[in-house]
Amino acid sequence: MNKIIKLRNPKNKFESINYSNANSITKSLKARNIEFGENIFWGDNVQVDDNVHIGKGAKIGNNVSIADGIRIGALAKIGDSVNLHKGYYVQGSKDCVTYVGNSMLSIGCLTYPIEGWLKSFSLLGRAEGYSAEEMGEYFTYIQEAEEFHETFYKTV
């Protein structure tokens, strides 16, 4: 049974490659710095950017998109129709901090633009019962999230 994998070409577009098993596309993957371990199962219609690492025995479902620089661990199972992209997530001392896209950041149950967090973090922190030490910790996370956004998602 033939499957399709889509790899980014030099013109920054994805080209489809038909294959029957993972071994038959080894050369195409290595040319794009896509590293992978043994016994990987690839689903159909998988879209893979360059510089991806997939560990031994991983199973990638159908219609999966894997962004540049993503690392998938050994024996990982990625379900169908999953989009893996770079993200920012920190479990802080009180709440988790998650970059959710479009310059938006969630801390605990609150989601605001990063700019809003930078301007109002102390007010929001006090309202949520954060100590001065915790607010300092979370201000660092907000700054890191801003740097992450600027590095990976800022459009010109």
N, C-alpha and C. Protein backbone atom coordinates (compact mmCIF):
# COMPACT_ATOMS: atom_id res chain seq x y z
N MET A 1 0.84 -1.19 0.00
CA MET A 1 0.00 0.00 0.00
C MET A 1 0.88 1.25 0.00
N ASN A 2 0.74 2.10 -0.98
CA ASN A 2 1.52 3.32 -1.06
C ASN A 2 0.92 4.41 -0.18
N LYS A 3 1.83 5.21 0.39
CA LYS A 3 1.44 6.34 1.23
C LYS A 3 2.08 7.59 0.66
N ILE A 4 1.71 8.73 1.22
CA ILE A 4 2.27 10.01 0.79
C ILE A 4 2.87 10.71 2.00
N ILE A 5 4.10 11.22 1.80
CA ILE A 5 4.70 12.11 2.79
C ILE A 5 5.00 13.41 2.05
N LYS A 6 4.81 14.53 2.72
CA LYS A 6 5.06 15.83 2.10
C LYS A 6 6.27 16.47 2.78
N LEU A 7 7.29 16.78 1.96
CA LEU A 7 8.51 17.39 2.48
C LEU A 7 8.70 18.76 1.85
N ARG A 8 9.19 19.70 2.67
CA ARG A 8 9.39 21.06 2.18
C ARG A 8 10.53 21.07 1.16
N ASN A 9 10.30 21.75 0.04
CA ASN A 9 11.34 21.84 -1.00
C ASN A 9 12.05 23.19 -0.89
N PRO A 10 13.12 23.41 -1.69
CA PRO A 10 13.87 24.67 -1.59
C PRO A 10 13.05 25.93 -1.86
N LYS A 11 11.91 25.81 -2.52
CA LYS A 11 11.06 26.98 -2.78
C LYS A 11 10.07 27.23 -1.65
N ASN A 12 10.29 26.54 -0.50
CA ASN A 12 9.45 26.69 0.68
C ASN A 12 8.03 26.19 0.48
N LYS A 13 7.85 25.28 -0.43
CA LYS A 13 6.55 24.64 -0.67
C LYS A 13 6.72 23.15 -0.33
N PHE A 14 5.62 22.48 -0.11
CA PHE A 14 5.70 21.06 0.19
C PHE A 14 5.48 20.25 -1.08
N GLU A 15 6.33 19.23 -1.25
CA GLU A 15 6.17 18.33 -2.39
C GLU A 15 5.81 16.95 -1.87
N SER A 16 4.92 16.28 -2.55
CA SER A 16 4.46 14.96 -2.14
C SER A 16 5.40 13.89 -2.69
N ILE A 17 5.72 12.92 -1.84
CA ILE A 17 6.54 11.78 -2.24
C ILE A 17 5.74 10.52 -1.91
N ASN A 18 5.54 9.69 -2.90
CA ASN A 18 4.87 8.41 -2.68
C ASN A 18 5.89 7.40 -2.17
N TYR A 19 5.50 6.57 -1.21
CA TYR A 19 6.40 5.55 -0.69
C TYR A 19 5.60 4.35 -0.20
N SER A 20 6.28 3.22 -0.09
CA SER A 20 5.61 2.01 0.37
C SER A 20 5.98 1.67 1.81
N ASN A 21 7.20 2.05 2.25
CA ASN A 21 7.58 1.86 3.64
C ASN A 21 8.61 2.93 4.01
N ALA A 22 8.86 3.11 5.30
CA ALA A 22 9.74 4.18 5.77
C ALA A 22 11.15 4.07 5.20
N ASN A 23 11.64 2.85 5.00
CA ASN A 23 12.99 2.67 4.47
C ASN A 23 13.14 3.22 3.05
N SER A 24 12.07 3.25 2.30
CA SER A 24 12.16 3.70 0.91
C SER A 24 12.30 5.22 0.78
N ILE A 25 12.12 5.95 1.87
CA ILE A 25 12.26 7.41 1.81
C ILE A 25 13.44 7.92 2.64
N THR A 26 14.29 7.02 3.09
CA THR A 26 15.43 7.37 3.94
C THR A 26 16.29 8.47 3.34
N LYS A 27 16.64 8.35 2.07
CA LYS A 27 17.52 9.32 1.42
C LYS A 27 16.86 10.71 1.39
N SER A 28 15.58 10.78 1.06
CA SER A 28 14.87 12.06 1.01
C SER A 28 14.81 12.72 2.39
N LEU A 29 14.63 11.92 3.43
CA LEU A 29 14.55 12.47 4.78
C LEU A 29 15.90 12.99 5.24
N LYS A 30 16.94 12.20 5.04
CA LYS A 30 18.28 12.62 5.49
C LYS A 30 18.75 13.88 4.77
N ALA A 31 18.37 14.06 3.51
CA ALA A 31 18.75 15.26 2.76
C ALA A 31 18.18 16.52 3.39
N ARG A 32 17.14 16.39 4.18
CA ARG A 32 16.48 17.54 4.83
C ARG A 32 16.76 17.59 6.32
N ASN A 33 17.78 16.87 6.76
CA ASN A 33 18.16 16.81 8.17
C ASN A 33 17.00 16.32 9.04
N ILE A 34 16.28 15.34 8.53
CA ILE A 34 15.23 14.70 9.31
C ILE A 34 15.82 13.39 9.82
N GLU A 35 16.03 13.33 11.12
CA GLU A 35 16.63 12.16 11.75
C GLU A 35 15.53 11.27 12.30
N PHE A 36 15.73 9.98 12.20
CA PHE A 36 14.71 9.08 12.72
C PHE A 36 15.34 7.76 13.13
N GLY A 37 14.76 7.17 14.16
CA GLY A 37 15.24 5.89 14.66
C GLY A 37 14.64 4.74 13.87
N GLU A 38 14.94 3.54 14.32
CA GLU A 38 14.44 2.33 13.66
C GLU A 38 12.96 2.11 13.97
N ASN A 39 12.35 1.33 13.12
CA ASN A 39 10.97 0.86 13.33
C ASN A 39 9.94 1.97 13.53
N ILE A 40 10.05 3.00 12.72
CA ILE A 40 9.05 4.07 12.78
C ILE A 40 7.90 3.71 11.85
N PHE A 41 6.70 3.99 12.31
CA PHE A 41 5.51 3.83 11.46
C PHE A 41 5.06 5.22 11.04
N TRP A 42 4.99 5.45 9.73
CA TRP A 42 4.50 6.71 9.18
C TRP A 42 3.09 6.49 8.65
N GLY A 43 2.17 7.36 9.02
CA GLY A 43 0.83 7.32 8.44
C GLY A 43 0.84 7.92 7.05
N ASP A 44 -0.32 8.10 6.49
CA ASP A 44 -0.45 8.67 5.16
C ASP A 44 -0.64 10.18 5.27
N ASN A 45 -0.15 10.90 4.26
CA ASN A 45 -0.32 12.34 4.16
C ASN A 45 0.31 13.08 5.35
N VAL A 46 1.54 12.70 5.69
CA VAL A 46 2.29 13.35 6.76
C VAL A 46 3.12 14.47 6.15
N GLN A 47 3.04 15.64 6.74
CA GLN A 47 3.79 16.82 6.27
C GLN A 47 4.91 17.09 7.26
N VAL A 48 6.18 17.08 6.78
CA VAL A 48 7.33 17.20 7.67
C VAL A 48 8.24 18.33 7.20
N ASP A 49 8.53 19.26 8.11
CA ASP A 49 9.51 20.30 7.84
C ASP A 49 10.91 19.74 8.06
N ASP A 50 11.91 20.53 7.73
CA ASP A 50 13.29 20.14 7.93
C ASP A 50 13.64 20.12 9.42
N ASN A 51 14.81 19.51 9.71
CA ASN A 51 15.40 19.53 11.05
C ASN A 51 14.52 18.90 12.12
N VAL A 52 13.85 17.82 11.77
CA VAL A 52 12.97 17.10 12.69
C VAL A 52 13.69 15.85 13.17
N HIS A 53 13.49 15.49 14.43
CA HIS A 53 14.06 14.25 14.98
C HIS A 53 12.91 13.39 15.49
N ILE A 54 12.88 12.15 15.03
CA ILE A 54 11.84 11.22 15.46
C ILE A 54 12.51 9.99 16.04
N GLY A 55 12.20 9.67 17.27
CA GLY A 55 12.85 8.59 17.99
C GLY A 55 12.41 7.20 17.54
N LYS A 56 13.20 6.22 17.94
CA LYS A 56 12.99 4.81 17.60
C LYS A 56 11.58 4.34 18.00
N GLY A 57 10.93 3.64 17.09
CA GLY A 57 9.65 3.03 17.38
C GLY A 57 8.46 3.99 17.45
N ALA A 58 8.65 5.23 17.05
CA ALA A 58 7.55 6.20 17.09
C ALA A 58 6.50 5.85 16.03
N LYS A 59 5.27 6.18 16.32
CA LYS A 59 4.17 5.96 15.38
C LYS A 59 3.52 7.30 15.08
N ILE A 60 3.54 7.67 13.81
CA ILE A 60 2.99 8.94 13.36
C ILE A 60 1.70 8.65 12.60
N GLY A 61 0.59 9.22 13.02
CA GLY A 61 -0.70 8.95 12.40
C GLY A 61 -0.87 9.60 11.04
N ASN A 62 -2.05 9.49 10.49
CA ASN A 62 -2.40 10.08 9.19
C ASN A 62 -2.67 11.58 9.33
N ASN A 63 -2.36 12.33 8.26
CA ASN A 63 -2.66 13.77 8.20
C ASN A 63 -2.03 14.56 9.33
N VAL A 64 -0.77 14.24 9.65
CA VAL A 64 -0.03 14.91 10.71
C VAL A 64 0.90 15.94 10.09
N SER A 65 1.04 17.09 10.73
CA SER A 65 1.96 18.13 10.30
C SER A 65 3.00 18.33 11.40
N ILE A 66 4.30 18.22 11.03
CA ILE A 66 5.39 18.34 11.99
C ILE A 66 6.27 19.52 11.58
N ALA A 67 6.33 20.55 12.41
CA ALA A 67 7.04 21.78 12.09
C ALA A 67 8.55 21.65 12.27
N ASP A 68 9.28 22.57 11.68
CA ASP A 68 10.74 22.63 11.74
C ASP A 68 11.24 22.57 13.18
N GLY A 69 12.23 21.70 13.40
CA GLY A 69 12.89 21.64 14.70
C GLY A 69 12.18 20.82 15.76
N ILE A 70 11.07 20.19 15.45
CA ILE A 70 10.34 19.40 16.44
C ILE A 70 11.10 18.10 16.73
N ARG A 71 11.09 17.68 17.99
CA ARG A 71 11.71 16.42 18.41
C ARG A 71 10.60 15.53 18.99
N ILE A 72 10.49 14.33 18.45
CA ILE A 72 9.51 13.37 18.92
C ILE A 72 10.29 12.23 19.55
N GLY A 73 9.96 11.87 20.77
CA GLY A 73 10.71 10.87 21.51
C GLY A 73 10.47 9.45 21.03
N ALA A 74 11.35 8.56 21.49
CA ALA A 74 11.24 7.13 21.18
C ALA A 74 9.90 6.60 21.70
N LEU A 75 9.30 5.76 20.90
CA LEU A 75 8.04 5.07 21.23
C LEU A 75 6.84 6.02 21.36
N ALA A 76 7.00 7.27 20.94
CA ALA A 76 5.88 8.22 21.00
C ALA A 76 4.80 7.81 20.00
N LYS A 77 3.58 8.13 20.32
CA LYS A 77 2.45 7.87 19.42
C LYS A 77 1.75 9.19 19.14
N ILE A 78 1.76 9.59 17.87
CA ILE A 78 1.10 10.82 17.46
C ILE A 78 -0.16 10.41 16.70
N GLY A 79 -1.31 10.83 17.17
CA GLY A 79 -2.58 10.44 16.56
C GLY A 79 -2.81 11.10 15.22
N ASP A 80 -3.92 10.79 14.61
CA ASP A 80 -4.29 11.36 13.32
C ASP A 80 -4.62 12.85 13.45
N SER A 81 -4.34 13.59 12.38
CA SER A 81 -4.71 15.01 12.25
C SER A 81 -4.15 15.90 13.35
N VAL A 82 -2.91 15.64 13.76
CA VAL A 82 -2.24 16.44 14.79
C VAL A 82 -1.28 17.41 14.11
N ASN A 83 -1.24 18.65 14.59
CA ASN A 83 -0.28 19.64 14.12
C ASN A 83 0.71 19.92 15.24
N LEU A 84 1.96 19.51 15.03
CA LEU A 84 3.00 19.75 16.03
C LEU A 84 3.80 20.98 15.61
N HIS A 85 3.81 21.99 16.45
CA HIS A 85 4.57 23.20 16.16
C HIS A 85 5.35 23.58 17.41
N LYS A 86 6.27 24.49 17.26
CA LYS A 86 7.06 24.94 18.39
C LYS A 86 6.14 25.63 19.38
N GLY A 87 6.41 25.38 20.63
CA GLY A 87 5.59 25.99 21.65
C GLY A 87 6.40 26.38 22.86
N TYR A 88 5.78 27.14 23.72
CA TYR A 88 6.40 27.56 24.97
C TYR A 88 5.46 27.15 26.09
N TYR A 89 5.96 26.33 27.01
CA TYR A 89 5.16 25.87 28.14
C TYR A 89 6.09 25.73 29.34
N VAL A 90 5.68 26.31 30.45
CA VAL A 90 6.45 26.20 31.69
C VAL A 90 5.47 25.90 32.82
N GLN A 91 5.81 24.92 33.64
CA GLN A 91 5.04 24.69 34.86
C GLN A 91 5.74 25.46 35.96
N GLY A 92 5.18 26.60 36.32
CA GLY A 92 5.77 27.43 37.37
C GLY A 92 5.41 26.90 38.74
N SER A 93 5.79 27.65 39.77
CA SER A 93 5.54 27.22 41.14
C SER A 93 4.06 27.25 41.50
N LYS A 94 3.27 28.03 40.78
CA LYS A 94 1.84 28.14 41.10
C LYS A 94 0.95 27.69 39.95
N ASP A 95 1.19 28.19 38.74
CA ASP A 95 0.36 27.88 37.57
C ASP A 95 1.26 27.60 36.38
N CYS A 96 0.67 27.01 35.33
CA CYS A 96 1.43 26.80 34.10
C CYS A 96 1.31 28.03 33.22
N VAL A 97 2.33 28.20 32.36
CA VAL A 97 2.41 29.32 31.43
C VAL A 97 2.48 28.70 30.04
N THR A 98 1.55 29.09 29.15
CA THR A 98 1.48 28.48 27.83
C THR A 98 1.31 29.55 26.76
N TYR A 99 2.21 29.52 25.76
CA TYR A 99 2.01 30.37 24.59
C TYR A 99 0.95 29.68 23.74
N VAL A 100 -0.16 30.39 23.46
CA VAL A 100 -1.27 29.76 22.74
C VAL A 100 -1.43 30.26 21.32
N GLY A 101 -0.47 31.06 20.84
CA GLY A 101 -0.53 31.55 19.47
C GLY A 101 -1.01 32.98 19.38
N ASN A 102 -0.75 33.61 18.26
CA ASN A 102 -1.20 34.98 17.99
C ASN A 102 -0.80 35.96 19.09
N SER A 103 0.40 35.79 19.64
CA SER A 103 0.93 36.65 20.69
C SER A 103 0.13 36.57 21.99
N MET A 104 -0.61 35.48 22.17
CA MET A 104 -1.43 35.30 23.37
C MET A 104 -0.74 34.34 24.33
N LEU A 105 -0.85 34.64 25.63
CA LEU A 105 -0.21 33.85 26.66
C LEU A 105 -1.23 33.52 27.75
N SER A 106 -1.28 32.26 28.14
CA SER A 106 -2.15 31.84 29.25
C SER A 106 -1.29 31.58 30.48
N ILE A 107 -1.73 32.12 31.59
CA ILE A 107 -1.14 31.80 32.88
C ILE A 107 -2.32 31.37 33.75
N GLY A 108 -2.27 30.13 34.19
CA GLY A 108 -3.41 29.58 34.90
C GLY A 108 -4.63 29.62 33.98
N CYS A 109 -5.71 30.23 34.45
CA CYS A 109 -6.95 30.30 33.66
C CYS A 109 -7.10 31.61 32.89
N LEU A 110 -6.11 32.49 32.97
CA LEU A 110 -6.21 33.79 32.31
C LEU A 110 -5.41 33.81 31.02
N THR A 111 -5.99 34.34 29.96
CA THR A 111 -5.30 34.46 28.67
C THR A 111 -5.40 35.89 28.18
N TYR A 112 -4.23 36.50 27.92
CA TYR A 112 -4.14 37.86 27.43
C TYR A 112 -2.98 37.95 26.43
N PRO A 113 -2.94 39.02 25.64
CA PRO A 113 -1.76 39.23 24.80
C PRO A 113 -0.52 39.39 25.69
N ILE A 114 0.63 38.97 25.18
CA ILE A 114 1.87 39.10 25.95
C ILE A 114 2.08 40.54 26.38
N GLU A 115 1.81 41.48 25.48
CA GLU A 115 1.96 42.91 25.80
C GLU A 115 1.12 43.29 27.02
N GLY A 116 -0.09 42.77 27.11
CA GLY A 116 -0.96 43.04 28.25
C GLY A 116 -0.40 42.47 29.55
N TRP A 117 0.17 41.26 29.45
CA TRP A 117 0.79 40.66 30.64
C TRP A 117 1.96 41.53 31.11
N LEU A 118 2.77 42.00 30.17
CA LEU A 118 3.94 42.80 30.54
C LEU A 118 3.52 44.10 31.24
N LYS A 119 2.44 44.70 30.78
CA LYS A 119 1.97 45.97 31.36
C LYS A 119 1.26 45.77 32.70
N SER A 120 0.56 44.65 32.87
CA SER A 120 -0.34 44.49 34.02
C SER A 120 -0.04 43.28 34.90
N PHE A 121 1.15 42.68 34.76
CA PHE A 121 1.42 41.44 35.49
C PHE A 121 1.29 41.61 37.00
N SER A 122 1.75 42.72 37.56
CA SER A 122 1.68 42.87 39.02
C SER A 122 0.24 43.03 39.49
N LEU A 123 -0.56 43.78 38.76
CA LEU A 123 -1.98 43.94 39.10
C LEU A 123 -2.70 42.59 39.02
N LEU A 124 -2.49 41.87 37.92
CA LEU A 124 -3.12 40.56 37.74
C LEU A 124 -2.61 39.56 38.78
N GLY A 125 -1.31 39.60 39.04
CA GLY A 125 -0.72 38.69 40.02
C GLY A 125 -1.29 38.89 41.41
N ARG A 126 -1.39 40.14 41.83
CA ARG A 126 -1.98 40.42 43.16
C ARG A 126 -3.43 39.95 43.21
N ALA A 127 -4.20 40.21 42.15
CA ALA A 127 -5.60 39.80 42.12
C ALA A 127 -5.74 38.28 42.21
N GLU A 128 -4.74 37.54 41.73
CA GLU A 128 -4.78 36.07 41.78
C GLU A 128 -4.07 35.50 43.01
N GLY A 129 -3.61 36.39 43.90
CA GLY A 129 -3.00 35.94 45.15
C GLY A 129 -1.54 35.51 45.05
N TYR A 130 -0.82 36.01 44.05
CA TYR A 130 0.60 35.69 43.91
C TYR A 130 1.42 36.51 44.91
N SER A 131 2.46 35.92 45.47
CA SER A 131 3.39 36.66 46.34
C SER A 131 4.32 37.49 45.45
N ALA A 132 5.07 38.39 46.07
CA ALA A 132 6.04 39.20 45.32
C ALA A 132 7.07 38.29 44.65
N GLU A 133 7.51 37.27 45.34
CA GLU A 133 8.48 36.33 44.77
C GLU A 133 7.89 35.60 43.56
N GLU A 134 6.65 35.15 43.69
CA GLU A 134 5.99 34.47 42.56
C GLU A 134 5.80 35.41 41.38
N MET A 135 5.46 36.67 41.65
CA MET A 135 5.29 37.62 40.54
C MET A 135 6.61 37.84 39.82
N GLY A 136 7.72 37.88 40.54
CA GLY A 136 9.03 37.99 39.91
C GLY A 136 9.32 36.78 39.03
N GLU A 137 8.99 35.60 39.54
CA GLU A 137 9.16 34.36 38.78
C GLU A 137 8.35 34.41 37.48
N TYR A 138 7.09 34.78 37.58
CA TYR A 138 6.21 34.77 36.41
C TYR A 138 6.52 35.91 35.44
N PHE A 139 7.06 37.03 35.94
CA PHE A 139 7.48 38.08 35.03
C PHE A 139 8.61 37.57 34.14
N THR A 140 9.51 36.77 34.70
CA THR A 140 10.58 36.15 33.90
C THR A 140 9.98 35.26 32.82
N TYR A 141 8.96 34.46 33.17
CA TYR A 141 8.32 33.58 32.18
C TYR A 141 7.65 34.40 31.07
N ILE A 142 7.02 35.50 31.43
CA ILE A 142 6.37 36.35 30.43
C ILE A 142 7.41 36.91 29.46
N GLN A 143 8.54 37.36 30.00
CA GLN A 143 9.61 37.86 29.14
C GLN A 143 10.15 36.76 28.22
N GLU A 144 10.31 35.55 28.75
CA GLU A 144 10.77 34.43 27.92
C GLU A 144 9.76 34.11 26.82
N ALA A 145 8.47 34.16 27.16
CA ALA A 145 7.42 33.91 26.16
C ALA A 145 7.44 34.97 25.07
N GLU A 146 7.69 36.22 25.46
CA GLU A 146 7.79 37.28 24.47
C GLU A 146 8.97 37.02 23.53
N GLU A 147 10.10 36.62 24.09
CA GLU A 147 11.26 36.30 23.26
C GLU A 147 10.97 35.12 22.34
N PHE A 148 10.29 34.11 22.86
CA PHE A 148 9.89 32.96 22.05
C PHE A 148 9.02 33.41 20.88
N HIS A 149 8.02 34.24 21.17
CA HIS A 149 7.13 34.73 20.11
C HIS A 149 7.92 35.53 19.07
N GLU A 150 8.77 36.42 19.51
CA GLU A 150 9.57 37.24 18.60
C GLU A 150 10.47 36.37 17.73
N THR A 151 11.03 35.32 18.29
CA THR A 151 11.95 34.45 17.57
C THR A 151 11.25 33.57 16.54
N PHE A 152 10.11 32.99 16.92
CA PHE A 152 9.50 31.97 16.07
C PHE A 152 8.23 32.39 15.33
N TYR A 153 7.54 33.42 15.81
CA TYR A 153 6.24 33.71 15.21
C TYR A 153 6.01 35.14 14.77
N LYS A 154 6.92 36.03 15.08
CA LYS A 154 6.74 37.42 14.67
C LYS A 154 6.81 37.53 13.15
N THR A 155 5.82 38.17 12.56
CA THR A 155 5.83 38.39 11.11
C THR A 155 6.35 39.77 10.82
N VAL A 156 7.02 39.90 9.71
CA VAL A 156 7.61 41.19 9.33
C VAL A 156 6.57 42.10 8.76
